[in-house]
Every structure is written in structure tokens, then in C-alpha cells.
PDB file of all heavy atoms in Angstrom:
ATOM      1  N   ALA A   1     -16.958  -6.290   4.445  1.00  0.00           N
ATOM      2  CA  ALA A   1     -17.093  -7.752   4.481  1.00  0.00           C
ATOM      3  C   ALA A   1     -17.012  -8.290   5.939  1.00  0.00           C
ATOM      4  O   ALA A   1     -17.793  -9.174   6.299  1.00  0.00           O
ATOM      5  CB  ALA A   1     -16.001  -8.419   3.670  1.00  0.00           C
ATOM      6  N   LEU A   2     -16.139  -7.735   6.720  1.00  0.00           N
ATOM      7  CA  LEU A   2     -15.977  -8.183   8.078  1.00  0.00           C
ATOM      8  C   LEU A   2     -17.215  -7.834   8.949  1.00  0.00           C
ATOM      9  O   LEU A   2     -17.674  -8.616   9.777  1.00  0.00           O
ATOM     10  CB  LEU A   2     -14.745  -7.578   8.694  1.00  0.00           C
ATOM     11  CG  LEU A   2     -14.291  -8.085  10.096  1.00  0.00           C
ATOM     12  CD1 LEU A   2     -14.081  -9.592  10.126  1.00  0.00           C
ATOM     13  CD2 LEU A   2     -13.057  -7.356  10.549  1.00  0.00           C
ATOM     14  N   ARG A   3     -17.723  -6.627   8.683  1.00  0.00           N
ATOM     15  CA  ARG A   3     -18.991  -6.222   9.411  1.00  0.00           C
ATOM     16  C   ARG A   3     -20.108  -7.179   9.136  1.00  0.00           C
ATOM     17  O   ARG A   3     -20.815  -7.617  10.021  1.00  0.00           O
ATOM     18  CB  ARG A   3     -19.327  -4.828   9.006  1.00  0.00           C
ATOM     19  CG  ARG A   3     -20.557  -4.245   9.814  1.00  0.00           C
ATOM     20  CD  ARG A   3     -20.903  -2.888   9.363  1.00  0.00           C
ATOM     21  NE  ARG A   3     -21.595  -2.838   8.029  1.00  0.00           N
ATOM     22  CZ  ARG A   3     -21.806  -1.747   7.393  1.00  0.00           C
ATOM     23  NH1 ARG A   3     -21.440  -0.537   7.897  1.00  0.00           N
ATOM     24  NH2 ARG A   3     -22.423  -1.822   6.215  1.00  0.00           N
ATOM     25  N   SER A   4     -20.259  -7.565   7.900  1.00  0.00           N
ATOM     26  CA  SER A   4     -21.290  -8.548   7.550  1.00  0.00           C
ATOM     27  C   SER A   4     -21.059  -9.885   8.232  1.00  0.00           C
ATOM     28  O   SER A   4     -21.971 -10.539   8.705  1.00  0.00           O
ATOM     29  CB  SER A   4     -21.301  -8.744   5.992  1.00  0.00           C
ATOM     30  OG  SER A   4     -22.279  -9.710   5.623  1.00  0.00           O
ATOM     31  N   ALA A   5     -19.774 -10.282   8.328  1.00  0.00           N
ATOM     32  CA  ALA A   5     -19.491 -11.542   9.004  1.00  0.00           C
ATOM     33  C   ALA A   5     -19.729 -11.490  10.467  1.00  0.00           C
ATOM     34  O   ALA A   5     -20.001 -12.546  11.101  1.00  0.00           O
ATOM     35  CB  ALA A   5     -18.005 -11.874   8.722  1.00  0.00           C
ATOM     36  N   PHE A   6     -19.670 -10.352  11.052  1.00  0.00           N
ATOM     37  CA  PHE A   6     -19.916 -10.184  12.543  1.00  0.00           C
ATOM     38  C   PHE A   6     -21.405 -10.334  12.883  1.00  0.00           C
ATOM     39  O   PHE A   6     -21.674 -10.504  14.097  1.00  0.00           O
ATOM     40  CB  PHE A   6     -19.387  -8.823  13.021  1.00  0.00           C
ATOM     41  CG  PHE A   6     -17.928  -8.757  13.254  1.00  0.00           C
ATOM     42  CD1 PHE A   6     -17.299  -7.512  13.411  1.00  0.00           C
ATOM     43  CD2 PHE A   6     -17.100  -9.900  13.262  1.00  0.00           C
ATOM     44  CE1 PHE A   6     -15.945  -7.373  13.613  1.00  0.00           C
ATOM     45  CE2 PHE A   6     -15.755  -9.780  13.437  1.00  0.00           C
ATOM     46  CZ  PHE A   6     -15.182  -8.560  13.631  1.00  0.00           C
ATOM     47  N   THR A   7     -22.289 -10.221  11.949  1.00  0.00           N
ATOM     48  CA  THR A   7     -23.711 -10.309  12.304  1.00  0.00           C
ATOM     49  C   THR A   7     -24.129 -11.735  12.413  1.00  0.00           C
ATOM     50  O   THR A   7     -23.552 -12.648  11.849  1.00  0.00           O
ATOM     51  CB  THR A   7     -24.547  -9.534  11.220  1.00  0.00           C
ATOM     52  OG1 THR A   7     -24.348 -10.212   9.936  1.00  0.00           O
ATOM     53  CG2 THR A   7     -24.118  -8.103  11.113  1.00  0.00           C
ATOM     54  N   GLY A   8     -25.259 -11.951  13.112  1.00  0.00           N
ATOM     55  CA  GLY A   8     -25.751 -13.291  13.284  1.00  0.00           C
ATOM     56  C   GLY A   8     -25.207 -14.097  14.415  1.00  0.00           C
ATOM     57  O   GLY A   8     -25.207 -15.358  14.392  1.00  0.00           O
ATOM     58  N   SER A   9     -24.532 -13.430  15.389  1.00  0.00           N
ATOM     59  CA  SER A   9     -23.974 -14.016  16.560  1.00  0.00           C
ATOM     60  C   SER A   9     -22.948 -15.113  16.248  1.00  0.00           C
ATOM     61  O   SER A   9     -22.974 -16.191  16.785  1.00  0.00           O
ATOM     62  CB  SER A   9     -25.045 -14.590  17.485  1.00  0.00           C
ATOM     63  OG  SER A   9     -25.942 -13.589  17.878  1.00  0.00           O
ATOM     64  N   PRO A  10     -21.975 -14.889  15.411  1.00  0.00           N
ATOM     65  CA  PRO A  10     -20.937 -15.879  15.126  1.00  0.00           C
ATOM     66  C   PRO A  10     -19.934 -16.026  16.236  1.00  0.00           C
ATOM     67  O   PRO A  10     -19.825 -15.178  17.099  1.00  0.00           O
ATOM     68  CB  PRO A  10     -20.291 -15.345  13.842  1.00  0.00           C
ATOM     69  CG  PRO A  10     -20.363 -13.859  14.021  1.00  0.00           C
ATOM     70  CD  PRO A  10     -21.687 -13.636  14.685  1.00  0.00           C
ATOM     71  N   ARG A  11     -19.216 -17.136  16.152  1.00  0.00           N
ATOM     72  CA  ARG A  11     -18.038 -17.283  17.050  1.00  0.00           C
ATOM     73  C   ARG A  11     -16.822 -16.668  16.343  1.00  0.00           C
ATOM     74  O   ARG A  11     -16.464 -17.104  15.243  1.00  0.00           O
ATOM     75  CB  ARG A  11     -17.788 -18.773  17.337  1.00  0.00           C
ATOM     76  CG  ARG A  11     -18.976 -19.394  18.054  1.00  0.00           C
ATOM     77  CD  ARG A  11     -18.846 -20.982  18.012  1.00  0.00           C
ATOM     78  NE  ARG A  11     -18.893 -21.393  16.609  1.00  0.00           N
ATOM     79  CZ  ARG A  11     -18.771 -22.701  16.290  1.00  0.00           C
ATOM     80  NH1 ARG A  11     -18.562 -23.626  17.223  1.00  0.00           N
ATOM     81  NH2 ARG A  11     -18.761 -23.048  15.018  1.00  0.00           N
ATOM     82  N   VAL A  12     -16.270 -15.660  16.978  1.00  0.00           N
ATOM     83  CA  VAL A  12     -15.181 -14.876  16.372  1.00  0.00           C
ATOM     84  C   VAL A  12     -13.908 -15.087  17.170  1.00  0.00           C
ATOM     85  O   VAL A  12     -13.947 -14.935  18.409  1.00  0.00           O
ATOM     86  CB  VAL A  12     -15.489 -13.359  16.303  1.00  0.00           C
ATOM     87  CG1 VAL A  12     -14.347 -12.570  15.727  1.00  0.00           C
ATOM     88  CG2 VAL A  12     -16.771 -13.155  15.448  1.00  0.00           C
ATOM     89  N   VAL A  13     -12.850 -15.390  16.465  1.00  0.00           N
ATOM     90  CA  VAL A  13     -11.489 -15.440  17.083  1.00  0.00           C
ATOM     91  C   VAL A  13     -10.672 -14.339  16.445  1.00  0.00           C
ATOM     92  O   VAL A  13     -10.551 -14.313  15.203  1.00  0.00           O
ATOM     93  CB  VAL A  13     -10.834 -16.817  16.909  1.00  0.00           C
ATOM     94  CG1 VAL A  13      -9.399 -16.762  17.441  1.00  0.00           C
ATOM     95  CG2 VAL A  13     -11.590 -17.889  17.647  1.00  0.00           C
ATOM     96  N   VAL A  14     -10.184 -13.441  17.279  1.00  0.00           N
ATOM     97  CA  VAL A  14      -9.309 -12.382  16.819  1.00  0.00           C
ATOM     98  C   VAL A  14      -7.818 -12.734  17.214  1.00  0.00           C
ATOM     99  O   VAL A  14      -7.544 -12.867  18.418  1.00  0.00           O
ATOM    100  CB  VAL A  14      -9.684 -11.047  17.437  1.00  0.00           C
ATOM    101  CG1 VAL A  14      -8.712  -9.913  16.968  1.00  0.00           C
ATOM    102  CG2 VAL A  14     -11.119 -10.692  17.107  1.00  0.00           C
ATOM    103  N   ILE A  15      -7.015 -12.873  16.228  1.00  0.00           N
ATOM    104  CA  ILE A  15      -5.613 -13.215  16.425  1.00  0.00           C
ATOM    105  C   ILE A  15      -4.811 -11.928  16.385  1.00  0.00           C
ATOM    106  O   ILE A  15      -4.696 -11.283  15.387  1.00  0.00           O
ATOM    107  CB  ILE A  15      -5.064 -14.192  15.397  1.00  0.00           C
ATOM    108  CG1 ILE A  15      -5.965 -15.474  15.341  1.00  0.00           C
ATOM    109  CG2 ILE A  15      -3.621 -14.572  15.678  1.00  0.00           C
ATOM    110  CD1 ILE A  15      -5.604 -16.401  14.220  1.00  0.00           C
ATOM    111  N   GLY A  16      -4.327 -11.521  17.534  1.00  0.00           N
ATOM    112  CA  GLY A  16      -3.595 -10.289  17.649  1.00  0.00           C
ATOM    113  C   GLY A  16      -4.346  -9.230  18.496  1.00  0.00           C
ATOM    114  O   GLY A  16      -5.594  -9.028  18.281  1.00  0.00           O
ATOM    115  N   THR A  17      -3.677  -8.671  19.501  1.00  0.00           N
ATOM    116  CA  THR A  17      -4.374  -7.799  20.452  1.00  0.00           C
ATOM    117  C   THR A  17      -3.779  -6.413  20.443  1.00  0.00           C
ATOM    118  O   THR A  17      -3.733  -5.690  21.454  1.00  0.00           O
ATOM    119  CB  THR A  17      -4.257  -8.377  21.865  1.00  0.00           C
ATOM    120  OG1 THR A  17      -2.836  -8.531  22.198  1.00  0.00           O
ATOM    121  CG2 THR A  17      -4.961  -9.694  21.977  1.00  0.00           C
ATOM    122  N   GLY A  18      -3.472  -5.949  19.198  1.00  0.00           N
ATOM    123  CA  GLY A  18      -3.004  -4.558  19.045  1.00  0.00           C
ATOM    124  C   GLY A  18      -4.198  -3.656  18.803  1.00  0.00           C
ATOM    125  O   GLY A  18      -5.359  -4.026  19.147  1.00  0.00           O
ATOM    126  N   TRP A  19      -3.955  -2.500  18.198  1.00  0.00           N
ATOM    127  CA  TRP A  19      -5.019  -1.534  18.009  1.00  0.00           C
ATOM    128  C   TRP A  19      -6.113  -2.012  17.082  1.00  0.00           C
ATOM    129  O   TRP A  19      -7.314  -1.883  17.461  1.00  0.00           O
ATOM    130  CB  TRP A  19      -4.448  -0.195  17.446  1.00  0.00           C
ATOM    131  CG  TRP A  19      -3.432   0.384  18.420  1.00  0.00           C
ATOM    132  CD1 TRP A  19      -2.059   0.432  18.238  1.00  0.00           C
ATOM    133  CD2 TRP A  19      -3.736   0.965  19.678  1.00  0.00           C
ATOM    134  NE1 TRP A  19      -1.523   1.024  19.387  1.00  0.00           N
ATOM    135  CE2 TRP A  19      -2.486   1.347  20.217  1.00  0.00           C
ATOM    136  CE3 TRP A  19      -4.888   1.210  20.400  1.00  0.00           C
ATOM    137  CZ2 TRP A  19      -2.417   2.010  21.506  1.00  0.00           C
ATOM    138  CZ3 TRP A  19      -4.813   1.847  21.671  1.00  0.00           C
ATOM    139  CH2 TRP A  19      -3.604   2.208  22.195  1.00  0.00           C
ATOM    140  N   ILE A  20      -5.777  -2.616  15.977  1.00  0.00           N
ATOM    141  CA  ILE A  20      -6.828  -3.139  15.066  1.00  0.00           C
ATOM    142  C   ILE A  20      -7.557  -4.257  15.721  1.00  0.00           C
ATOM    143  O   ILE A  20      -8.813  -4.339  15.661  1.00  0.00           O
ATOM    144  CB  ILE A  20      -6.197  -3.551  13.711  1.00  0.00           C
ATOM    145  CG1 ILE A  20      -5.654  -2.336  13.003  1.00  0.00           C
ATOM    146  CG2 ILE A  20      -7.278  -4.278  12.857  1.00  0.00           C
ATOM    147  CD1 ILE A  20      -6.680  -1.317  12.598  1.00  0.00           C
ATOM    148  N   GLY A  21      -6.847  -5.175  16.353  1.00  0.00           N
ATOM    149  CA  GLY A  21      -7.514  -6.311  16.986  1.00  0.00           C
ATOM    150  C   GLY A  21      -8.493  -5.927  18.078  1.00  0.00           C
ATOM    151  O   GLY A  21      -9.582  -6.454  18.132  1.00  0.00           O
ATOM    152  N   THR A  22      -8.027  -5.018  18.960  1.00  0.00           N
ATOM    153  CA  THR A  22      -8.950  -4.621  20.036  1.00  0.00           C
ATOM    154  C   THR A  22     -10.167  -3.780  19.547  1.00  0.00           C
ATOM    155  O   THR A  22     -11.291  -3.997  20.063  1.00  0.00           O
ATOM    156  CB  THR A  22      -8.142  -3.842  21.086  1.00  0.00           C
ATOM    157  OG1 THR A  22      -7.413  -2.771  20.516  1.00  0.00           O
ATOM    158  CG2 THR A  22      -7.147  -4.756  21.844  1.00  0.00           C
ATOM    159  N   GLU A  23      -9.929  -2.909  18.571  1.00  0.00           N
ATOM    160  CA  GLU A  23     -11.071  -2.174  18.066  1.00  0.00           C
ATOM    161  C   GLU A  23     -12.044  -3.094  17.366  1.00  0.00           C
ATOM    162  O   GLU A  23     -13.240  -2.972  17.436  1.00  0.00           O
ATOM    163  CB  GLU A  23     -10.592  -1.070  17.069  1.00  0.00           C
ATOM    164  CG  GLU A  23      -9.879   0.086  17.824  1.00  0.00           C
ATOM    165  CD  GLU A  23      -9.502   1.206  16.879  1.00  0.00           C
ATOM    166  OE1 GLU A  23      -9.761   1.133  15.670  1.00  0.00           O
ATOM    167  OE2 GLU A  23      -8.873   2.185  17.331  1.00  0.00           O
ATOM    168  N   ALA A  24     -11.505  -4.087  16.575  1.00  0.00           N
ATOM    169  CA  ALA A  24     -12.417  -5.005  15.906  1.00  0.00           C
ATOM    170  C   ALA A  24     -13.155  -5.934  16.895  1.00  0.00           C
ATOM    171  O   ALA A  24     -14.346  -6.192  16.656  1.00  0.00           O
ATOM    172  CB  ALA A  24     -11.584  -5.881  14.956  1.00  0.00           C
ATOM    173  N   ALA A  25     -12.514  -6.319  17.940  1.00  0.00           N
ATOM    174  CA  ALA A  25     -13.166  -7.126  18.960  1.00  0.00           C
ATOM    175  C   ALA A  25     -14.364  -6.318  19.604  1.00  0.00           C
ATOM    176  O   ALA A  25     -15.418  -6.867  19.804  1.00  0.00           O
ATOM    177  CB  ALA A  25     -12.203  -7.535  20.040  1.00  0.00           C
ATOM    178  N   ALA A  26     -14.136  -5.014  19.855  1.00  0.00           N
ATOM    179  CA  ALA A  26     -15.215  -4.204  20.409  1.00  0.00           C
ATOM    180  C   ALA A  26     -16.367  -4.118  19.436  1.00  0.00           C
ATOM    181  O   ALA A  26     -17.551  -4.188  19.795  1.00  0.00           O
ATOM    182  CB  ALA A  26     -14.665  -2.783  20.708  1.00  0.00           C
ATOM    183  N   ALA A  27     -16.074  -4.007  18.166  1.00  0.00           N
ATOM    184  CA  ALA A  27     -17.131  -3.945  17.088  1.00  0.00           C
ATOM    185  C   ALA A  27     -17.847  -5.268  17.017  1.00  0.00           C
ATOM    186  O   ALA A  27     -19.110  -5.285  16.879  1.00  0.00           O
ATOM    187  CB  ALA A  27     -16.573  -3.588  15.772  1.00  0.00           C
ATOM    188  N   ALA A  28     -17.153  -6.368  17.102  1.00  0.00           N
ATOM    189  CA  ALA A  28     -17.810  -7.681  17.030  1.00  0.00           C
ATOM    190  C   ALA A  28     -18.713  -7.870  18.264  1.00  0.00           C
ATOM    191  O   ALA A  28     -19.854  -8.397  18.056  1.00  0.00           O
ATOM    192  CB  ALA A  28     -16.730  -8.764  17.042  1.00  0.00           C
ATOM    193  N   ARG A  29     -18.294  -7.460  19.447  1.00  0.00           N
ATOM    194  CA  ARG A  29     -19.201  -7.545  20.573  1.00  0.00           C
ATOM    195  C   ARG A  29     -20.477  -6.669  20.380  1.00  0.00           C
ATOM    196  O   ARG A  29     -21.493  -7.024  20.810  1.00  0.00           O
ATOM    197  CB  ARG A  29     -18.445  -7.188  21.849  1.00  0.00           C
ATOM    198  CG  ARG A  29     -17.427  -8.216  22.318  1.00  0.00           C
ATOM    199  CD  ARG A  29     -18.073  -9.524  22.609  1.00  0.00           C
ATOM    200  NE  ARG A  29     -19.007  -9.413  23.755  1.00  0.00           N
ATOM    201  CZ  ARG A  29     -20.175 -10.001  23.850  1.00  0.00           C
ATOM    202  NH1 ARG A  29     -20.635 -10.772  22.833  1.00  0.00           N
ATOM    203  NH2 ARG A  29     -20.973  -9.804  24.904  1.00  0.00           N
TER     204      ARG A  29
END
């Protein structure tokens, strides 16, 4: 579900900069 949400150049805010947050931010970019 999150991967689908990352498509289409959305504005993404990641709350939390631990391992999951940083890996997800890299995927979103």
C-alpha cells in the first residue's frame, strides 16, 4: 500500500528517522 502511495510524485512526510523511516525515505525518493 505504501509503495503505491509513493508513486505519482506525492509530497511525503516521514515522521521518525530511525531504520524504518530512513529506508522508507530512500524508497520514496
